[in-house]
Amino acid sequence: MQIKDNLIVQTGWPNYHLHTTYCDGKSTIAESVNEISKRRLRSGGISSHAPLPTPIARPWAMRAGELESYVAEIRTQQTQFPEIELYIGLEVDFLEDLIGPKDIHAQVDYTIGSIHIAGQLDDTPWEVDMSTALFTRGVVELFSGNYPAAVSHYYGQMQKMLQTSPPSIVGHLDKIKIHNREKILFDETSKWYREQVMETLKLIAATGVILEINTRGIYQKKTSEPYPSAWIIRAAHAMKIPVVMSSDAHHTSELHHNFAETARLLRQIGYRELMALKNGVWQPVPFDDRGVAWE
């Protein structure tokens, strides 16, 4: 079969970033798998937020002690839907000396490594993707109001994760930009910012990790581009970094939000393949703005 601009055989969009009621998702595992089946997807994965160590436990993460039941419930769904290659994933936070993807990877099929917490304030962890008020408070209290220092620290944590605890997939690389929608806190075109991003991409390329192209910021109206931005995707393509597209869904209705337009962007940049789990191995599959060619 020859693959042209319009694919001959398509089987929808595999999505490996799906949250459930085990964390801050709104749909159960069963509801999520039913949606995957209804859309006739050949492959997909569940990836709730992994449990966090007790001192920094957050309400959006899986509760301690629930990982075993989470894995067991997905395995039950695997037997009920043998036509789907259903994989067990976790979105794992990296916090130096506390937790990282390597601590959990052996228990699941794949990990998404993300930075949600990048420091500790007097009374709460500094969560960099929550409210802008909390983000700004962390910049003031931890970095004396120096936004470039705070943002560089965020990317520094991402780089340490890649060096010491690499995941299967790097999640929402530049999510910190949600606080800079008006472009008044820091300049994303500045040399220091682009150097931080490029250093992170070099480590992604060196470790063979997959870069996530995440559409959640678009449909939540927090960004006009996916995570990461188009210029970063162009740089990743130049470095031959493989990509996976995800919606970071927290409800079954979000399974493929903004996939078609993001696929068009990827193809304009030069990507012709997305990574997907086939027979338990990450493999490239051709795609266009209607889906992937599975066979």
Protein backbone atom coordinates (compact mmCIF):
# COMPACT_ATOMS: atom_id res chain seq x y z
CA MET A 1 0.00 0.00 0.00
CA GLN A 2 1.36 3.41 -0.94
CA ILE A 3 0.77 6.27 1.47
CA LYS A 4 0.02 9.56 -0.27
CA ASP A 5 -1.14 12.91 1.13
CA ASN A 6 -4.59 11.38 1.66
CA LEU A 7 -4.19 8.08 3.44
CA ILE A 8 -5.82 4.95 2.05
CA VAL A 9 -6.46 3.16 5.34
CA GLN A 10 -7.20 5.07 8.54
CA THR A 11 -8.08 3.90 12.00
CA GLY A 12 -8.63 7.15 13.89
CA TRP A 13 -6.23 8.73 16.30
CA PRO A 14 -4.42 6.73 19.00
CA ASN A 15 -4.26 8.77 22.20
CA TYR A 16 -2.06 7.83 25.14
CA HIS A 17 -2.73 10.76 27.48
CA LEU A 18 -6.11 10.08 29.13
CA HIS A 19 -6.91 10.89 32.74
CA THR A 20 -9.57 9.10 34.76
CA THR A 21 -11.37 9.32 38.09
CA TYR A 22 -8.31 7.76 39.70
CA CYS A 23 -6.88 11.31 39.53
CA ASP A 24 -8.48 14.56 38.33
CA GLY A 25 -10.20 13.02 35.32
CA LYS A 26 -13.98 13.04 35.05
CA SER A 27 -14.47 9.70 33.27
CA THR A 28 -13.88 6.22 34.66
CA ILE A 29 -11.47 3.76 33.09
CA ALA A 30 -14.43 1.77 31.75
CA GLU A 31 -15.99 4.90 30.20
CA SER A 32 -12.67 5.83 28.62
CA VAL A 33 -12.16 2.40 27.08
CA ASN A 34 -15.76 2.31 25.84
CA GLU A 35 -15.10 5.60 24.03
CA ILE A 36 -11.90 4.19 22.50
CA SER A 37 -13.91 1.18 21.31
CA LYS A 38 -16.79 3.31 19.99
CA ARG A 39 -14.34 5.28 17.86
CA ARG A 40 -12.86 2.00 16.57
CA LEU A 41 -9.34 2.90 17.63
CA ARG A 42 -6.77 0.15 17.32
CA SER A 43 -4.52 1.43 20.10
CA GLY A 44 -4.69 3.73 23.11
CA GLY A 45 -3.59 4.16 26.68
CA ILE A 46 -4.82 5.30 30.07
CA SER A 47 -2.45 7.64 31.91
CA SER A 48 -3.72 9.00 35.21
CA HIS A 49 -1.48 11.14 37.39
CA ALA A 50 0.79 8.83 39.39
CA PRO A 51 0.70 8.96 43.20
CA LEU A 52 2.95 11.60 44.75
CA PRO A 53 5.02 11.21 47.92
CA THR A 54 2.98 12.02 51.05
CA PRO A 55 4.66 15.39 51.81
CA ILE A 56 3.58 16.79 48.45
CA ALA A 57 0.40 14.78 47.78
CA ARG A 58 -2.02 16.81 45.67
CA PRO A 59 -5.76 16.34 45.03
CA TRP A 60 -5.17 16.01 41.27
CA ALA A 61 -2.93 12.93 41.66
CA MET A 62 -3.81 9.32 42.32
CA ARG A 63 -4.08 8.54 46.01
CA ALA A 64 -1.36 6.49 47.66
CA GLY A 65 -2.12 2.78 47.57
CA GLU A 66 -4.41 2.90 44.51
CA LEU A 67 -1.86 2.04 41.85
CA GLU A 68 -2.43 -1.72 42.16
CA SER A 69 -6.19 -1.42 41.64
CA TYR A 70 -5.64 1.03 38.76
CA VAL A 71 -3.43 -1.48 36.94
CA ALA A 72 -5.83 -4.35 37.69
CA GLU A 73 -8.82 -2.42 36.34
CA ILE A 74 -7.06 -1.63 33.07
CA ARG A 75 -6.04 -5.27 32.74
CA THR A 76 -9.70 -6.25 33.12
CA GLN A 77 -10.59 -3.88 30.29
CA GLN A 78 -7.85 -5.44 28.16
CA THR A 79 -9.58 -8.81 28.40
CA GLN A 80 -13.00 -7.31 27.64
CA PHE A 81 -11.76 -5.44 24.55
CA PRO A 82 -9.18 -7.73 22.91
CA GLU A 83 -9.58 -5.88 19.60
CA ILE A 84 -7.91 -2.81 21.17
CA GLU A 85 -4.24 -2.62 22.02
CA LEU A 86 -4.91 -1.02 25.39
CA TYR A 87 -1.85 0.09 27.33
CA ILE A 88 -1.23 1.02 30.95
CA GLY A 89 0.39 4.39 31.38
CA LEU A 90 0.98 6.99 34.07
CA GLU A 91 1.77 10.68 33.96
CA VAL A 92 4.62 10.88 36.44
CA ASP A 93 5.88 14.08 38.01
CA PHE A 94 9.57 14.70 38.35
CA LEU A 95 10.68 16.17 41.66
CA GLU A 96 14.38 15.85 42.27
CA ASP A 97 15.24 13.34 45.04
CA LEU A 98 11.52 12.55 45.52
CA ILE A 99 9.98 10.95 42.44
CA GLY A 100 10.56 10.50 38.72
CA PRO A 101 9.40 8.33 35.83
CA LYS A 102 12.12 5.71 36.42
CA ASP A 103 10.62 4.97 39.85
CA ILE A 104 7.36 3.79 38.28
CA HIS A 105 8.18 2.79 34.72
CA ALA A 106 8.62 -0.93 35.51
CA GLN A 107 5.02 -1.13 36.77
CA VAL A 108 3.39 0.15 33.57
CA ASP A 109 3.76 0.04 29.79
CA TYR A 110 4.82 3.67 29.39
CA THR A 111 5.28 6.91 31.31
CA ILE A 112 4.63 10.55 30.50
CA GLY A 113 7.13 12.69 32.38
CA SER A 114 5.89 16.16 33.34
CA ILE A 115 6.78 19.10 35.52
CA HIS A 116 3.80 20.34 37.52
CA ILE A 117 5.60 21.22 40.75
CA ALA A 118 8.87 23.15 40.57
CA GLY A 119 9.49 24.25 44.15
CA GLN A 120 8.13 24.59 47.66
CA LEU A 121 6.57 27.68 49.20
CA ASP A 122 6.10 28.07 52.94
CA ASP A 123 2.62 26.56 52.93
CA THR A 124 2.19 24.79 49.60
CA PRO A 125 4.09 23.28 46.69
CA TRP A 126 4.78 25.73 43.85
CA GLU A 127 2.53 24.33 41.13
CA VAL A 128 3.54 26.00 37.89
CA ASP A 129 0.43 25.15 35.89
CA MET A 130 -2.26 26.16 38.35
CA SER A 131 -3.40 29.78 38.84
CA THR A 132 -1.29 32.65 37.57
CA ALA A 133 -1.53 34.12 41.08
CA LEU A 134 0.21 31.04 42.51
CA PHE A 135 2.76 31.06 39.71
CA THR A 136 3.54 34.74 40.32
CA ARG A 137 3.76 34.18 44.06
CA GLY A 138 6.39 31.51 43.47
CA VAL A 139 8.38 33.81 41.21
CA VAL A 140 8.35 36.51 43.88
CA GLU A 141 9.10 34.29 46.88
CA LEU A 142 11.54 31.84 45.32
CA PHE A 143 13.23 33.98 42.65
CA SER A 144 12.86 37.56 43.99
CA GLY A 145 10.49 38.39 41.15
CA ASN A 146 12.93 37.35 38.43
CA TYR A 147 10.76 35.69 35.77
CA PRO A 148 13.65 34.54 33.54
CA ALA A 149 15.24 32.82 36.56
CA ALA A 150 11.94 31.11 37.42
CA VAL A 151 11.30 29.95 33.87
CA SER A 152 14.90 28.77 33.49
CA HIS A 153 14.46 26.77 36.70
CA TYR A 154 11.36 25.10 35.21
CA TYR A 155 13.29 24.03 32.12
CA GLY A 156 16.21 23.05 34.33
CA GLN A 157 13.93 20.58 36.13
CA MET A 158 12.82 19.19 32.78
CA GLN A 159 16.45 18.76 31.80
CA LYS A 160 17.30 17.00 35.06
CA MET A 161 14.41 14.61 34.49
CA LEU A 162 15.75 13.75 31.05
CA GLN A 163 19.25 13.24 32.42
CA THR A 164 18.37 11.19 35.51
CA SER A 165 14.87 9.75 35.07
CA PRO A 166 13.81 9.81 31.42
CA PRO A 167 10.18 8.90 30.64
CA SER A 168 8.76 7.32 27.50
CA ILE A 169 7.16 10.65 26.54
CA VAL A 170 7.90 14.23 27.61
CA GLY A 171 4.59 15.84 28.51
CA HIS A 172 3.46 19.40 27.57
CA LEU A 173 6.98 20.75 27.29
CA ASP A 174 6.25 24.49 27.42
CA LYS A 175 3.07 24.49 29.50
CA ILE A 176 4.52 27.28 31.61
CA LYS A 177 3.55 29.66 28.76
CA ILE A 178 -0.07 29.64 29.96
CA HIS A 179 0.90 32.41 32.38
CA ASN A 180 2.34 34.52 29.59
CA ARG A 181 -0.69 34.81 27.29
CA GLU A 182 -0.42 38.58 27.26
CA LYS A 183 3.37 38.27 26.75
CA ILE A 184 4.11 40.68 29.58
CA LEU A 185 5.84 38.40 32.11
CA PHE A 186 8.75 37.24 29.95
CA ASP A 187 9.77 37.32 26.31
CA GLU A 188 9.51 33.91 24.66
CA THR A 189 11.52 35.14 21.67
CA SER A 190 14.46 36.18 23.83
CA LYS A 191 17.81 34.42 23.56
CA TRP A 192 17.80 33.05 27.12
CA TYR A 193 14.35 31.47 26.66
CA ARG A 194 15.15 29.85 23.35
CA GLU A 195 18.46 28.55 24.69
CA GLN A 196 16.62 26.80 27.54
CA VAL A 197 14.16 25.20 25.13
CA MET A 198 16.89 24.14 22.70
CA GLU A 199 18.95 22.59 25.48
CA THR A 200 15.88 20.60 26.51
CA LEU A 201 15.29 19.45 22.94
CA LYS A 202 18.92 18.35 22.63
CA LEU A 203 18.48 16.13 25.68
CA ILE A 204 15.23 14.72 24.28
CA ALA A 205 17.05 13.84 21.06
CA ALA A 206 20.00 12.34 22.94
CA THR A 207 17.85 10.14 25.18
CA GLY A 208 15.49 8.94 22.45
CA VAL A 209 12.42 10.15 24.31
CA ILE A 210 9.20 10.95 22.41
CA LEU A 211 7.98 14.54 22.39
CA GLU A 212 4.29 15.03 23.11
CA ILE A 213 2.26 17.41 20.93
CA ASN A 214 -0.53 18.25 23.37
CA THR A 215 -3.75 20.02 22.29
CA ARG A 216 -5.27 20.69 25.73
CA GLY A 217 -4.19 24.32 25.91
CA ILE A 218 -6.01 25.07 22.65
CA TYR A 219 -9.40 23.63 23.58
CA GLN A 220 -9.17 25.05 27.09
CA LYS A 221 -8.50 28.43 25.44
CA LYS A 222 -5.31 28.88 27.44
CA THR A 223 -3.08 28.95 24.36
CA SER A 224 -3.41 29.55 20.63
CA GLU A 225 -0.95 26.75 19.81
CA PRO A 226 -0.35 23.27 21.15
CA TYR A 227 2.24 22.45 23.78
CA PRO A 228 4.90 22.97 22.52
CA SER A 229 4.61 25.97 20.20
CA ALA A 230 5.13 25.67 16.45
CA TRP A 231 8.69 27.05 16.49
CA ILE A 232 9.67 24.36 19.00
CA ILE A 233 8.06 21.64 16.88
CA ARG A 234 10.05 22.91 13.88
CA ALA A 235 13.26 22.65 15.90
CA ALA A 236 12.28 19.15 17.05
CA HIS A 237 11.65 18.09 13.46
CA ALA A 238 15.08 19.39 12.45
CA MET A 239 16.56 17.22 15.21
CA LYS A 240 14.53 14.20 14.03
CA ILE A 241 12.74 13.93 17.37
CA PRO A 242 9.73 11.56 17.16
CA VAL A 243 6.36 12.91 18.27
CA VAL A 244 3.07 11.61 19.62
CA MET A 245 -0.15 13.61 19.51
CA SER A 246 -2.41 13.73 22.56
CA SER A 247 -5.33 15.68 23.95
CA ASP A 248 -4.46 15.22 27.64
CA ALA A 249 -8.14 14.32 27.97
CA HIS A 250 -9.86 14.61 31.34
CA HIS A 251 -13.23 13.51 29.91
CA THR A 252 -14.14 11.13 27.10
CA SER A 253 -15.54 14.05 25.09
CA GLU A 254 -12.00 15.48 24.84
CA LEU A 255 -10.44 12.41 23.26
CA HIS A 256 -9.57 14.05 19.91
CA HIS A 257 -10.09 17.77 20.49
CA ASN A 258 -8.16 19.87 17.92
CA PHE A 259 -6.39 16.85 16.44
CA ALA A 260 -7.16 17.62 12.78
CA GLU A 261 -5.78 21.16 12.86
CA THR A 262 -2.75 20.06 14.87
CA ALA A 263 -2.10 17.25 12.39
CA ARG A 264 -2.15 19.80 9.59
CA LEU A 265 0.38 21.91 11.49
CA LEU A 266 2.65 18.89 11.96
CA ARG A 267 2.48 18.04 8.27
CA GLN A 268 3.21 21.65 7.30
CA ILE A 269 6.32 21.47 9.46
CA GLY A 270 7.36 18.24 7.79
CA TYR A 271 6.24 15.40 10.04
CA ARG A 272 4.72 12.43 8.23
CA GLU A 273 4.65 9.91 11.08
CA LEU A 274 3.40 9.82 14.65
CA MET A 275 4.57 7.35 17.25
CA ALA A 276 2.11 4.69 18.40
CA LEU A 277 2.29 1.55 20.50
CA LYS A 278 1.95 -1.50 18.25
CA ASN A 279 2.53 -4.96 19.66
CA GLY A 280 3.97 -3.35 22.78
CA VAL A 281 6.61 -1.32 20.90
CA TRP A 282 6.65 2.36 19.99
CA GLN A 283 6.55 2.52 16.21
CA PRO A 284 6.06 5.28 13.60
CA VAL A 285 2.72 5.29 11.76
CA PRO A 286 1.80 7.55 8.81
CA PHE A 287 -0.92 10.14 9.40
CA ASP A 288 -2.89 12.97 7.86
CA ASP A 289 -5.59 15.28 9.22
CA ARG A 290 -8.14 12.41 9.33
CA GLY A 291 -6.16 9.87 11.30
CA VAL A 292 -3.35 7.36 11.09
CA ALA A 293 -2.71 4.51 8.66
CA TRP A 294 -2.42 1.54 10.98
CA GLU A 295 -1.51 -1.11 8.43
